[in-house]
């Protein structure tokens, strides 16, 4: 049996992409994002992100020259997605976008994405 890991209590925030829009407001994650829970109301689209230290300075997030993307085949209704904590450590604030920076997708209905944060 492995050693028991002790960590702080995980928490979550809900990030909303309004109906008729493709990107959320900025929300503070303090580099601790570890997962997403997709809502029942989701217009099919990939998910991309903006990040920074403040919402006003949030920029599209790229990894090795490629926009960090959760493909639409994975970002489906009522699905939980695990994310690598190390990918989010540089970012105090994120915005979630449906679609890509080149091809954003407006949500038909309000989309409330639950974001899980490490404790």
Protein backbone atom coordinates (compact mmCIF):
# COMPACT_ATOMS: atom_id res chain seq x y z
CA UNK A 1 0.00 0.00 0.00
CA UNK A 2 1.33 3.44 -0.94
CA UNK A 3 2.01 6.26 1.45
CA UNK A 4 -0.90 8.47 2.35
CA UNK A 5 -0.76 11.90 0.77
CA UNK A 6 -1.88 14.86 2.84
CA UNK A 7 -3.07 17.97 1.05
CA UNK A 8 -5.39 20.88 1.64
CA UNK A 9 -9.06 20.51 0.88
CA UNK A 10 -9.76 20.95 -2.84
CA UNK A 11 -12.20 23.66 -3.84
CA UNK A 12 -13.96 24.84 -6.95
CA UNK A 13 -15.21 27.93 -8.71
CA UNK A 14 -17.85 28.19 -11.42
CA UNK A 15 -16.79 30.08 -14.54
CA UNK A 16 -19.58 31.22 -16.85
CA UNK A 17 -19.47 31.81 -20.57
CA UNK A 18 -22.64 33.85 -21.21
CA UNK A 19 -25.16 32.91 -23.88
CA UNK A 20 -24.14 34.53 -27.16
CA UNK A 21 -20.49 34.84 -26.06
CA UNK A 22 -17.38 32.72 -26.51
CA UNK A 23 -15.22 33.74 -23.54
CA UNK A 24 -15.66 34.08 -19.79
CA UNK A 25 -14.65 36.91 -17.52
CA UNK A 26 -11.33 36.46 -15.73
CA UNK A 27 -11.25 34.34 -12.58
CA UNK A 28 -8.51 33.92 -10.02
CA UNK A 29 -7.06 30.39 -9.89
CA UNK A 30 -3.68 31.21 -8.31
CA UNK A 31 -2.00 28.53 -10.41
CA UNK A 32 -4.04 25.73 -8.83
CA UNK A 33 -6.40 24.49 -11.57
CA UNK A 34 -6.56 20.68 -11.67
CA UNK A 35 -9.83 19.86 -13.43
CA UNK A 36 -12.99 20.95 -15.21
CA UNK A 37 -16.56 19.67 -15.11
CA UNK A 38 -18.42 20.37 -18.32
CA UNK A 39 -22.01 21.63 -18.05
CA UNK A 40 -25.14 20.00 -19.48
CA UNK A 41 -25.59 23.09 -21.67
CA UNK A 42 -22.56 23.24 -23.98
CA UNK A 43 -22.47 24.15 -27.66
CA UNK A 44 -19.92 21.78 -29.22
CA UNK A 45 -16.50 23.42 -29.30
CA UNK A 46 -12.91 22.94 -28.26
CA UNK A 47 -11.77 24.81 -25.13
CA UNK A 48 -8.86 27.23 -25.08
CA UNK A 49 -7.60 29.57 -22.38
CA UNK A 50 -6.23 33.00 -21.68
CA UNK A 51 -4.03 33.51 -18.63
CA UNK A 52 -2.04 36.12 -16.80
CA UNK A 53 -1.56 37.85 -13.48
CA UNK A 54 -4.61 40.10 -13.93
CA UNK A 55 -7.60 39.85 -16.27
CA UNK A 56 -6.54 42.97 -18.17
CA UNK A 57 -3.20 41.36 -19.04
CA UNK A 58 -4.54 37.87 -19.87
CA UNK A 59 -3.10 36.47 -23.11
CA UNK A 60 -3.83 33.37 -25.18
CA UNK A 61 -1.99 30.41 -23.62
CA UNK A 62 0.39 28.49 -25.87
CA UNK A 63 2.52 25.43 -25.10
CA UNK A 64 5.49 24.70 -27.38
CA UNK A 65 4.10 27.08 -30.00
CA UNK A 66 0.63 25.51 -30.08
CA UNK A 67 -2.49 27.02 -28.52
CA UNK A 68 -3.33 25.02 -25.39
CA UNK A 69 -6.53 23.26 -26.44
CA UNK A 70 -8.94 20.69 -25.07
CA UNK A 71 -10.38 19.17 -28.28
CA UNK A 72 -14.14 19.26 -28.83
CA UNK A 73 -14.20 15.43 -28.75
CA UNK A 74 -13.10 15.62 -25.08
CA UNK A 75 -14.98 18.78 -24.06
CA UNK A 76 -18.45 17.23 -24.10
CA UNK A 77 -21.47 17.70 -21.85
CA UNK A 78 -21.48 16.18 -18.37
CA UNK A 79 -17.84 15.09 -18.46
CA UNK A 80 -15.10 15.74 -15.91
CA UNK A 81 -11.63 16.50 -17.25
CA UNK A 82 -8.39 16.13 -15.29
CA UNK A 83 -5.70 18.78 -15.86
CA UNK A 84 -2.01 18.77 -14.94
CA UNK A 85 -1.43 21.25 -12.10
CA UNK A 86 2.04 22.12 -13.44
CA UNK A 87 0.52 23.58 -16.62
CA UNK A 88 -1.34 26.25 -14.64
CA UNK A 89 1.28 27.32 -12.07
CA UNK A 90 2.31 30.48 -14.02
CA UNK A 91 -1.23 31.90 -14.08
CA UNK A 92 -3.03 33.81 -11.33
CA UNK A 93 -6.06 34.49 -13.53
CA UNK A 94 -7.65 32.59 -16.41
CA UNK A 95 -10.42 33.11 -18.92
CA UNK A 96 -12.05 30.11 -20.62
CA UNK A 97 -12.93 30.31 -24.33
CA UNK A 98 -15.19 28.05 -26.36
CA UNK A 99 -13.40 27.50 -29.64
CA UNK A 100 -9.95 28.77 -30.52
CA UNK A 101 -8.55 32.29 -30.74
CA UNK A 102 -8.84 32.05 -34.55
CA UNK A 103 -12.33 30.52 -34.51
CA UNK A 104 -14.29 31.27 -31.31
CA UNK A 105 -17.66 29.55 -30.88
CA UNK A 106 -20.51 31.45 -29.21
CA UNK A 107 -22.44 29.42 -26.67
CA UNK A 108 -26.18 29.15 -27.41
CA UNK A 109 -27.06 28.96 -23.70
CA UNK A 110 -25.14 30.09 -20.63
CA UNK A 111 -22.34 27.56 -20.00
CA UNK A 112 -21.28 27.16 -16.36
CA UNK A 113 -17.98 25.28 -16.20
CA UNK A 114 -16.92 24.05 -12.77
CA UNK A 115 -13.19 24.53 -12.23
CA UNK A 116 -11.52 22.37 -9.58
CA UNK A 117 -8.61 23.90 -7.67
CA UNK A 118 -5.92 22.08 -5.69
CA UNK A 119 -6.08 22.61 -1.93
